[in-house]
């Protein structure tokens, strides 16, 4: 693959990011795993004796490219087509993964084949039939893994014995992270003592439903007479707490069928898939639902946004992990004498953002400014508007609550050292469509 970047800086950034991704794959980290595996699939049972050696009738293995995600295993045609899924197996906190040796696979396959042909519970060898072929001795090159989530199971085979432990540990680590992601969400039944803030029934779009057509979206609905049966939205019962949105089959169900953890990176907004529809986006999945009326949907959106605004980040939040790795363009302002800071801080979630600065030219005596990156400030004011306060006297405030940050500034004594992160900035040319003139190329103008 050969590509060209717009500038040398962009090329350097892309090369560094690609090297980091390759290094993560080569490191063998438990959370990073992808590669070619054999997928066990059921085929039409053969009535005649099999001539395919160790593979019994009714079972075949297909070579696919697998990718392990935080909450799912997906398989694709090959490593060039990872943008298109051929299948997906969901992982949950209760999922299990176990190694299957060759003899266990033979017994499992023979049982599955016999059930397909004769039905469950039939005798292993019908009267007058030949005895089943004895399974070959175990082979290191023919080991498999069985992954189970509830009643669903997935069997994959690793041809290279060296990868068996790696795939087993990677899947087990993904399950462990799902189990530890939120302690309350993992509790079942009456063990969960969270306070329900809002509950009720919502029509829910099934996972894996076909996407709506462009014509349907333009009409404001995803359902047409031809697609209505395939795109039905069954009613599900939901209970919203301060940490998660729980889904159940009905109001009196003891256990939840799905848990959508709420964190600051979540978003909820109305959509046009159905009348009164809305979408909840989390770090791990997307939920589409709608209420019985516009008012009901608006009430759910308002309740979800309120919970999101007061939520805390999860340890496994990929957005938070990426933010921690990103370099910050910071600068430090030091006050050697007691004086007015001349700064107005505004609360944004739990961040303390500089909303306004009273200009002082030149800077007041006893104030020094240090920039910790190669960038320099063009402003004569040491503190820049839009900056975020990230450290107070060497103590990080990036993940602290806003009230704790303000408390650290109350009644301060010199010397005071404040470290700020500059707000992201970008400038350039964009094409802007003139108001009142749609779809016309002539209406675009540079600004």
Protein backbone atom coordinates (compact mmCIF):
# COMPACT_ATOMS: atom_id res chain seq x y z
CA UNK A 1 0.00 0.00 0.00
CA UNK A 2 1.46 3.35 -1.06
CA UNK A 3 -0.08 6.60 0.14
CA UNK A 4 0.95 10.24 0.14
CA UNK A 5 0.32 12.80 2.88
CA UNK A 6 -0.42 16.47 2.30
CA UNK A 7 2.54 17.72 4.35
CA UNK A 8 5.73 16.27 5.88
CA UNK A 9 4.23 16.72 9.35
CA UNK A 10 1.16 14.68 8.39
CA UNK A 11 3.39 11.98 6.94
CA UNK A 12 5.41 11.82 10.16
CA UNK A 13 2.25 11.59 12.27
CA UNK A 14 0.85 8.78 10.12
CA UNK A 15 4.11 6.82 10.21
CA UNK A 16 4.33 7.14 14.00
CA UNK A 17 0.72 5.99 14.42
CA UNK A 18 1.16 3.01 12.09
CA UNK A 19 4.39 1.98 13.85
CA UNK A 20 2.59 2.16 17.21
CA UNK A 21 -0.25 -0.02 15.89
CA UNK A 22 2.19 -2.59 14.49
CA UNK A 23 4.15 -2.60 17.76
CA UNK A 24 0.95 -3.27 19.70
CA UNK A 25 0.18 -6.24 17.45
CA UNK A 26 3.71 -7.58 17.74
CA UNK A 27 3.80 -7.16 21.52
CA UNK A 28 1.30 -9.97 22.01
CA UNK A 29 -0.72 -7.84 24.42
CA UNK A 30 -3.76 -9.81 25.66
CA UNK A 31 -6.20 -7.14 24.44
CA UNK A 32 -4.82 -7.10 20.88
CA UNK A 33 -5.45 -10.15 18.69
CA UNK A 34 -6.24 -10.76 15.02
CA UNK A 35 -5.38 -13.40 12.46
CA UNK A 36 -6.60 -16.28 10.32
CA UNK A 37 -8.54 -19.05 12.11
CA UNK A 38 -10.77 -21.97 11.12
CA UNK A 39 -14.46 -21.39 11.88
CA UNK A 40 -16.58 -24.45 12.62
CA UNK A 41 -19.85 -24.32 10.67
CA UNK A 42 -22.68 -26.82 10.33
CA UNK A 43 -23.34 -28.21 6.86
CA UNK A 44 -26.09 -30.33 5.41
CA UNK A 45 -25.66 -33.84 6.84
CA UNK A 46 -24.44 -36.52 4.46
CA UNK A 47 -26.33 -39.81 4.54
CA UNK A 48 -23.44 -41.65 2.87
CA UNK A 49 -20.21 -42.37 4.81
CA UNK A 50 -17.79 -39.46 4.81
CA UNK A 51 -14.68 -39.61 2.65
CA UNK A 52 -13.10 -36.54 4.19
CA UNK A 53 -11.03 -38.28 6.84
CA UNK A 54 -11.16 -36.68 10.24
CA UNK A 55 -14.01 -34.27 9.39
CA UNK A 56 -17.32 -36.05 10.04
CA UNK A 57 -20.53 -35.43 8.09
CA UNK A 58 -22.44 -32.28 8.92
CA UNK A 59 -19.36 -30.26 9.98
CA UNK A 60 -16.90 -28.18 8.00
CA UNK A 61 -14.17 -25.68 8.77
CA UNK A 62 -13.86 -22.38 6.93
CA UNK A 63 -10.75 -20.21 6.95
CA UNK A 64 -11.62 -16.65 8.04
CA UNK A 65 -9.78 -13.61 9.32
CA UNK A 66 -10.76 -12.94 12.95
CA UNK A 67 -10.52 -9.68 14.91
CA UNK A 68 -10.97 -9.56 18.69
CA UNK A 69 -12.78 -6.41 19.86
CA UNK A 70 -13.53 -5.28 23.40
CA UNK A 71 -16.97 -6.93 23.39
CA UNK A 72 -17.11 -9.14 20.28
CA UNK A 73 -15.29 -11.48 17.92
CA UNK A 74 -15.79 -10.65 14.24
CA UNK A 75 -14.68 -12.58 11.19
CA UNK A 76 -14.00 -11.34 7.70
CA UNK A 77 -13.06 -12.69 4.29
CA UNK A 78 -9.39 -11.77 4.74
CA UNK A 79 -7.21 -9.02 6.20
CA UNK A 80 -7.95 -6.75 3.22
CA UNK A 81 -11.71 -6.76 3.90
CA UNK A 82 -11.95 -6.00 7.62
CA UNK A 83 -14.36 -3.17 6.79
CA UNK A 84 -17.00 -5.79 5.91
CA UNK A 85 -18.18 -8.24 8.55
CA UNK A 86 -19.14 -11.78 7.61
CA UNK A 87 -20.19 -12.60 11.17
CA UNK A 88 -20.02 -11.50 14.78
CA UNK A 89 -20.06 -13.27 18.15
CA UNK A 90 -20.92 -11.07 21.14
CA UNK A 91 -18.90 -11.34 24.35
CA UNK A 92 -20.32 -10.63 27.80
CA UNK A 93 -19.15 -10.60 31.39
CA UNK A 94 -20.50 -14.16 31.72
CA UNK A 95 -18.80 -15.54 28.59
CA UNK A 96 -16.41 -18.48 28.87
CA UNK A 97 -13.56 -19.75 26.70
CA UNK A 98 -12.14 -23.28 26.86
CA UNK A 99 -9.56 -25.27 24.93
CA UNK A 100 -10.84 -28.27 22.97
CA UNK A 101 -8.43 -31.03 22.04
CA UNK A 102 -8.82 -33.12 18.92
CA UNK A 103 -10.64 -35.99 20.64
CA UNK A 104 -13.11 -33.58 22.25
CA UNK A 105 -13.76 -31.99 18.85
CA UNK A 106 -14.48 -35.43 17.35
CA UNK A 107 -16.98 -36.26 20.10
CA UNK A 108 -18.60 -32.84 19.79
CA UNK A 109 -18.84 -33.10 16.00
CA UNK A 110 -20.15 -36.68 16.08
CA UNK A 111 -22.82 -35.69 18.61
CA UNK A 112 -23.82 -32.66 16.51
CA UNK A 113 -23.98 -34.79 13.35
CA UNK A 114 -25.98 -37.52 15.04
CA UNK A 115 -28.44 -34.97 16.43
CA UNK A 116 -28.83 -33.44 12.96
CA UNK A 117 -29.56 -36.81 11.35
CA UNK A 118 -31.39 -38.75 14.08
CA UNK A 119 -32.47 -36.07 16.51
CA UNK A 120 -31.24 -35.36 20.06
CA UNK A 121 -31.05 -38.34 22.42
CA UNK A 122 -30.73 -40.99 19.70
CA UNK A 123 -28.47 -43.98 20.23
CA UNK A 124 -24.81 -43.47 19.35
CA UNK A 125 -24.78 -46.48 16.96
CA UNK A 126 -28.10 -47.48 15.33
CA UNK A 127 -28.79 -51.25 15.01
CA UNK A 128 -27.13 -52.69 11.93
CA UNK A 129 -25.00 -49.62 11.29
CA UNK A 130 -21.25 -49.59 11.22
CA UNK A 131 -19.46 -48.41 14.34
CA UNK A 132 -18.32 -44.80 14.17
CA UNK A 133 -14.78 -44.18 13.02
CA UNK A 134 -12.34 -43.99 15.90
CA UNK A 135 -10.97 -40.51 16.43
CA UNK A 136 -7.30 -40.00 15.61
CA UNK A 137 -4.90 -39.33 18.47
CA UNK A 138 -4.67 -35.73 19.68
CA UNK A 139 -2.62 -33.44 17.48
CA UNK A 140 -0.92 -30.19 18.50
CA UNK A 141 -1.80 -28.82 15.06
CA UNK A 142 -5.49 -29.48 15.46
CA UNK A 143 -6.51 -27.68 18.66
CA UNK A 144 -9.59 -25.52 19.02
CA UNK A 145 -11.30 -23.05 21.33
CA UNK A 146 -14.96 -22.97 22.29
CA UNK A 147 -16.40 -19.59 23.29
CA UNK A 148 -19.80 -19.52 25.00
CA UNK A 149 -22.14 -16.64 25.78
CA UNK A 150 -25.34 -17.95 27.31
CA UNK A 151 -26.78 -20.62 25.00
CA UNK A 152 -24.75 -19.43 22.00
CA UNK A 153 -21.36 -20.99 21.24
CA UNK A 154 -18.56 -20.46 18.76
CA UNK A 155 -15.84 -22.99 17.93
CA UNK A 156 -12.63 -21.85 16.26
CA UNK A 157 -9.55 -23.87 15.39
CA UNK A 158 -5.96 -22.69 15.51
CA UNK A 159 -3.66 -24.44 13.09
CA UNK A 160 -0.54 -23.08 14.72
CA UNK A 161 -0.29 -24.50 18.24
CA UNK A 162 1.76 -21.47 19.33
CA UNK A 163 -1.32 -19.23 18.82
CA UNK A 164 -3.64 -21.37 20.93
CA UNK A 165 -2.57 -19.92 24.28
CA UNK A 166 -2.46 -16.42 22.80
CA UNK A 167 -6.03 -16.50 21.52
CA UNK A 168 -7.27 -18.18 24.71
CA UNK A 169 -5.63 -15.55 26.93
CA UNK A 170 -6.78 -12.66 24.71
CA UNK A 171 -10.43 -13.73 24.78
CA UNK A 172 -10.26 -14.45 28.52
CA UNK A 173 -8.77 -10.99 29.11
CA UNK A 174 -11.57 -9.34 27.06
CA UNK A 175 -14.17 -11.19 29.15
CA UNK A 176 -12.38 -10.21 32.36
CA UNK A 177 -12.47 -6.54 31.35
CA UNK A 178 -16.18 -6.80 30.59
CA UNK A 179 -16.75 -8.33 34.03
CA UNK A 180 -14.74 -5.64 35.84
CA UNK A 181 -15.95 -2.73 33.71
CA UNK A 182 -18.69 -1.88 36.16
CA UNK A 183 -19.30 -3.81 39.39
CA UNK A 184 -22.99 -2.90 39.65
CA UNK A 185 -23.74 -3.81 36.04
CA UNK A 186 -22.34 -7.29 36.65
CA UNK A 187 -24.70 -7.89 39.58
CA UNK A 188 -27.78 -9.88 38.74
CA UNK A 189 -31.30 -9.88 40.08
CA UNK A 190 -31.86 -8.54 43.58
CA UNK A 191 -28.11 -8.10 44.19
CA UNK A 192 -28.26 -4.82 42.25
CA UNK A 193 -29.40 -2.10 44.65
CA UNK A 194 -29.13 0.92 42.34
CA UNK A 195 -31.86 3.56 42.41
CA UNK A 196 -33.99 3.63 39.26
CA UNK A 197 -34.32 7.18 37.91
CA UNK A 198 -36.62 6.40 34.98
CA UNK A 199 -38.26 3.25 33.64
CA UNK A 200 -40.71 2.20 30.97
CA UNK A 201 -41.20 0.38 27.67
CA UNK A 202 -39.49 1.47 24.46
CA UNK A 203 -39.71 0.03 20.96
CA UNK A 204 -36.19 -1.21 20.22
CA UNK A 205 -34.41 -1.81 16.94
CA UNK A 206 -32.87 -5.32 16.98
CA UNK A 207 -29.09 -5.61 16.79
CA UNK A 208 -27.97 -6.53 13.29
CA UNK A 209 -31.11 -5.17 11.60
CA UNK A 210 -30.54 -4.06 7.98
CA UNK A 211 -29.77 -0.35 7.61
CA UNK A 212 -32.55 1.86 6.27
CA UNK A 213 -32.49 2.92 2.64
CA UNK A 214 -31.76 6.50 1.59
CA UNK A 215 -35.34 6.87 0.40
CA UNK A 216 -36.68 5.65 3.74
CA UNK A 217 -34.45 8.06 5.64
CA UNK A 218 -35.66 10.94 3.49
CA UNK A 219 -39.22 9.95 4.33
CA UNK A 220 -38.36 9.85 8.03
CA UNK A 221 -38.91 6.11 8.54
CA UNK A 222 -36.99 2.86 8.04
CA UNK A 223 -40.09 0.72 7.62
CA UNK A 224 -41.75 -0.08 4.31
CA UNK A 225 -44.32 -2.81 3.55
CA UNK A 226 -41.55 -5.00 2.10
CA UNK A 227 -39.21 -4.45 5.05
CA UNK A 228 -41.72 -4.20 7.88
CA UNK A 229 -41.41 -7.84 8.93
CA UNK A 230 -37.61 -7.79 8.80
CA UNK A 231 -37.35 -4.42 10.55
CA UNK A 232 -39.84 -4.73 13.39
CA UNK A 233 -38.98 -2.99 16.66
CA UNK A 234 -40.21 -5.12 19.60
CA UNK A 235 -41.04 -3.55 22.95
CA UNK A 236 -38.36 -3.85 25.65
CA UNK A 237 -38.47 -2.70 29.26
CA UNK A 238 -35.77 -0.23 30.34
CA UNK A 239 -34.59 1.00 33.74
CA UNK A 240 -32.20 3.97 33.91
CA UNK A 241 -29.87 4.41 36.90
CA UNK A 242 -27.02 6.77 37.60
CA UNK A 243 -24.49 4.37 36.01
CA UNK A 244 -26.28 2.32 33.34
CA UNK A 245 -29.37 1.73 31.22
CA UNK A 246 -30.72 -1.79 31.83
CA UNK A 247 -32.79 -3.66 29.23
CA UNK A 248 -35.17 -6.53 30.05
CA UNK A 249 -37.81 -8.52 28.23
CA UNK A 250 -40.60 -7.29 30.50
CA UNK A 251 -41.23 -5.24 33.63
CA UNK A 252 -41.08 -8.09 36.17
CA UNK A 253 -37.96 -9.79 34.78
CA UNK A 254 -35.29 -10.53 37.40
CA UNK A 255 -32.22 -10.31 35.14
CA UNK A 256 -31.31 -7.80 32.46
CA UNK A 257 -30.80 -8.95 28.87
CA UNK A 258 -28.44 -6.04 28.11
CA UNK A 259 -26.61 -3.33 30.04
CA UNK A 260 -25.56 -0.03 28.44
CA UNK A 261 -22.97 1.60 30.68
CA UNK A 262 -23.26 5.39 30.90
CA UNK A 263 -20.05 7.45 30.84
CA UNK A 264 -19.02 10.98 29.78
CA UNK A 265 -18.17 9.81 26.24
CA UNK A 266 -21.78 8.65 25.63
CA UNK A 267 -24.15 10.65 23.44
CA UNK A 268 -27.90 10.60 22.82
CA UNK A 269 -29.81 12.43 20.13
CA UNK A 270 -33.01 12.06 18.03
CA UNK A 271 -32.89 10.25 14.68
CA UNK A 272 -35.19 9.74 11.68
CA UNK A 273 -35.16 5.93 11.61
CA UNK A 274 -38.68 5.91 13.04
CA UNK A 275 -41.14 8.47 14.31
CA UNK A 276 -39.99 9.67 17.76
CA UNK A 277 -36.77 7.59 17.44
CA UNK A 278 -33.53 8.34 19.25
CA UNK A 279 -30.04 6.85 19.42
CA UNK A 280 -27.81 6.14 22.42
CA UNK A 281 -24.12 5.79 21.54
CA UNK A 282 -21.74 4.22 24.07
CA UNK A 283 -18.10 3.24 23.81
CA UNK A 284 -19.07 -0.35 23.02
CA UNK A 285 -22.43 -0.37 21.24
CA UNK A 286 -25.31 1.66 19.79
CA UNK A 287 -28.97 1.48 20.84
CA UNK A 288 -31.88 2.65 18.65
CA UNK A 289 -35.29 3.02 20.30
CA UNK A 290 -38.41 5.20 20.29
CA UNK A 291 -41.21 6.08 22.67
CA UNK A 292 -44.94 6.03 22.09
CA UNK A 293 -45.05 9.81 21.69
CA UNK A 294 -42.81 12.78 21.06
CA UNK A 295 -43.08 13.83 24.71
CA UNK A 296 -42.04 10.38 25.95
CA UNK A 297 -39.00 10.31 23.69
CA UNK A 298 -37.97 13.81 24.75
CA UNK A 299 -38.29 12.77 28.41
CA UNK A 300 -35.98 9.77 27.84
CA UNK A 301 -33.43 11.91 25.98
CA UNK A 302 -33.44 14.51 28.75
CA UNK A 303 -33.03 11.85 31.46
CA UNK A 304 -30.17 10.14 29.60
CA UNK A 305 -28.36 13.43 28.98
CA UNK A 306 -28.66 14.34 32.66
CA UNK A 307 -27.16 10.99 33.72
CA UNK A 308 -24.37 11.33 31.12
CA UNK A 309 -23.53 14.85 32.35
CA UNK A 310 -23.04 13.57 35.93
CA UNK A 311 -21.35 10.26 35.03
CA UNK A 312 -17.75 9.29 35.67
CA UNK A 313 -15.31 7.70 33.23
CA UNK A 314 -14.72 3.95 33.09
CA UNK A 315 -11.27 2.45 33.41
CA UNK A 316 -11.77 0.70 30.06
CA UNK A 317 -13.01 3.79 28.21
CA UNK A 318 -11.09 3.79 24.88
CA UNK A 319 -11.58 7.53 24.44
CA UNK A 320 -10.06 8.24 27.85
CA UNK A 321 -7.16 5.89 27.12
CA UNK A 322 -6.47 7.67 23.82
CA UNK A 323 -6.69 11.07 25.52
CA UNK A 324 -4.12 10.01 28.08
CA UNK A 325 -1.70 9.03 25.31
CA UNK A 326 -2.16 12.27 23.35
CA UNK A 327 0.53 14.91 23.95
CA UNK A 328 -0.72 18.16 25.43
CA UNK A 329 0.36 21.64 24.36
CA UNK A 330 0.82 23.07 27.85
CA UNK A 331 2.27 26.19 29.41
CA UNK A 332 2.94 27.14 33.03
CA UNK A 333 2.24 30.43 34.78
CA UNK A 334 3.96 31.07 38.13
CA UNK A 335 2.90 33.73 40.63
CA UNK A 336 5.70 34.63 43.03
CA UNK A 337 3.71 37.25 45.00
CA UNK A 338 0.15 37.46 46.30
CA UNK A 339 -2.01 39.20 43.67
CA UNK A 340 -5.23 38.92 41.72
CA UNK A 341 -5.20 36.11 39.19
CA UNK A 342 -7.44 38.12 36.81
CA UNK A 343 -8.89 34.87 35.46
CA UNK A 344 -12.53 33.76 35.15
CA UNK A 345 -12.87 29.96 35.20
CA UNK A 346 -15.94 28.25 33.75
CA UNK A 347 -17.10 24.72 34.50
CA UNK A 348 -17.27 22.36 31.50
CA UNK A 349 -18.19 18.90 32.80
CA UNK A 350 -15.46 18.60 35.48
CA UNK A 351 -12.92 20.78 33.66
CA UNK A 352 -11.93 24.30 34.74
CA UNK A 353 -11.80 26.27 31.48
CA UNK A 354 -10.48 29.84 31.19
CA UNK A 355 -13.52 31.83 30.07
CA UNK A 356 -12.04 35.32 30.30
CA UNK A 357 -8.74 36.99 31.19
CA UNK A 358 -8.28 40.61 32.15
CA UNK A 359 -5.41 41.77 29.91
CA UNK A 360 -2.31 43.03 31.67
CA UNK A 361 0.44 44.44 29.46
CA UNK A 362 3.16 43.97 30.47
CA UNK A 363 2.55 40.97 32.79
CA UNK A 364 2.37 41.91 36.47
CA UNK A 365 5.59 41.79 38.49
CA UNK A 366 6.35 38.42 39.99
CA UNK A 367 4.65 36.51 37.13
CA UNK A 368 6.60 34.22 34.86
CA UNK A 369 5.37 32.12 31.95
CA UNK A 370 6.95 28.90 30.71
CA UNK A 371 5.85 27.05 27.57
CA UNK A 372 6.48 23.29 27.69
CA UNK A 373 6.13 22.69 23.95
CA UNK A 374 7.79 24.07 20.86
CA UNK A 375 4.78 26.31 20.23
CA UNK A 376 4.79 29.88 21.52
CA UNK A 377 1.92 32.14 22.40
CA UNK A 378 1.24 35.24 20.32
CA UNK A 379 -0.80 36.80 23.11
CA UNK A 380 0.69 39.33 25.50
CA UNK A 381 -1.43 37.90 28.31
CA UNK A 382 0.27 34.97 30.09
CA UNK A 383 -2.98 33.01 30.47
CA UNK A 384 -4.93 32.32 27.27
CA UNK A 385 -8.71 32.09 26.95
CA UNK A 386 -10.01 28.60 26.22
CA UNK A 387 -7.18 26.91 28.09
CA UNK A 388 -7.89 24.10 30.56
CA UNK A 389 -6.32 24.03 34.02
CA UNK A 390 -4.50 20.69 34.29
CA UNK A 391 -2.17 21.11 37.29
CA UNK A 392 -2.03 23.24 40.45
CA UNK A 393 1.36 23.37 42.14
CA UNK A 394 2.36 20.12 40.44
CA UNK A 395 -0.85 18.23 41.38
CA UNK A 396 -2.84 17.00 38.38
CA UNK A 397 -6.43 18.20 38.08
CA UNK A 398 -7.19 16.48 34.76
CA UNK A 399 -9.42 13.81 36.36
CA UNK A 400 -10.33 15.75 39.50
CA UNK A 401 -13.78 17.15 40.13
CA UNK A 402 -14.32 20.83 39.35
CA UNK A 403 -15.13 21.70 42.98
CA UNK A 404 -11.86 20.13 44.16
CA UNK A 405 -9.93 22.18 41.58
CA UNK A 406 -11.53 25.43 42.73
CA UNK A 407 -10.92 24.46 46.36
CA UNK A 408 -7.20 24.11 45.58
CA UNK A 409 -7.17 27.75 44.36
CA UNK A 410 -9.13 29.18 47.27
CA UNK A 411 -6.91 31.14 49.66
CA UNK A 412 -3.73 30.29 47.78
CA UNK A 413 -0.35 31.38 49.06
CA UNK A 414 2.66 32.22 46.91
CA UNK A 415 4.37 30.76 45.12
CA UNK A 416 1.51 29.47 42.94
CA UNK A 417 2.21 27.45 39.82
CA UNK A 418 -0.65 26.84 37.38
CA UNK A 419 -0.27 24.59 34.34
CA UNK A 420 -2.73 25.04 31.46
CA UNK A 421 -3.40 23.04 28.30
CA UNK A 422 -4.08 25.16 25.24
CA UNK A 423 -7.36 24.65 23.45
CA UNK A 424 -7.12 22.81 20.11
CA UNK A 425 -7.02 25.21 17.18
CA UNK A 426 -7.23 24.78 13.42
CA UNK A 427 -7.58 27.22 10.53
CA UNK A 428 -8.04 26.77 6.82
CA UNK A 429 -10.38 27.11 3.87
CA UNK A 430 -13.83 25.46 3.80
CA UNK A 431 -16.60 25.55 1.17
CA UNK A 432 -19.72 27.22 2.61
CA UNK A 433 -23.14 26.89 1.02
CA UNK A 434 -24.97 30.20 0.70
CA UNK A 435 -28.16 30.45 2.76
CA UNK A 436 -31.33 29.88 0.74
CA UNK A 437 -29.58 28.27 -2.24
CA UNK A 438 -29.42 24.49 -1.98
CA UNK A 439 -27.75 21.96 -4.20
CA UNK A 440 -26.08 24.51 -6.44
CA UNK A 441 -22.35 24.42 -6.99
CA UNK A 442 -22.44 28.11 -7.73
CA UNK A 443 -23.79 28.76 -4.25
CA UNK A 444 -20.57 27.57 -2.62
CA UNK A 445 -18.18 30.26 -1.60
CA UNK A 446 -14.86 30.29 0.21
CA UNK A 447 -14.73 31.77 3.70
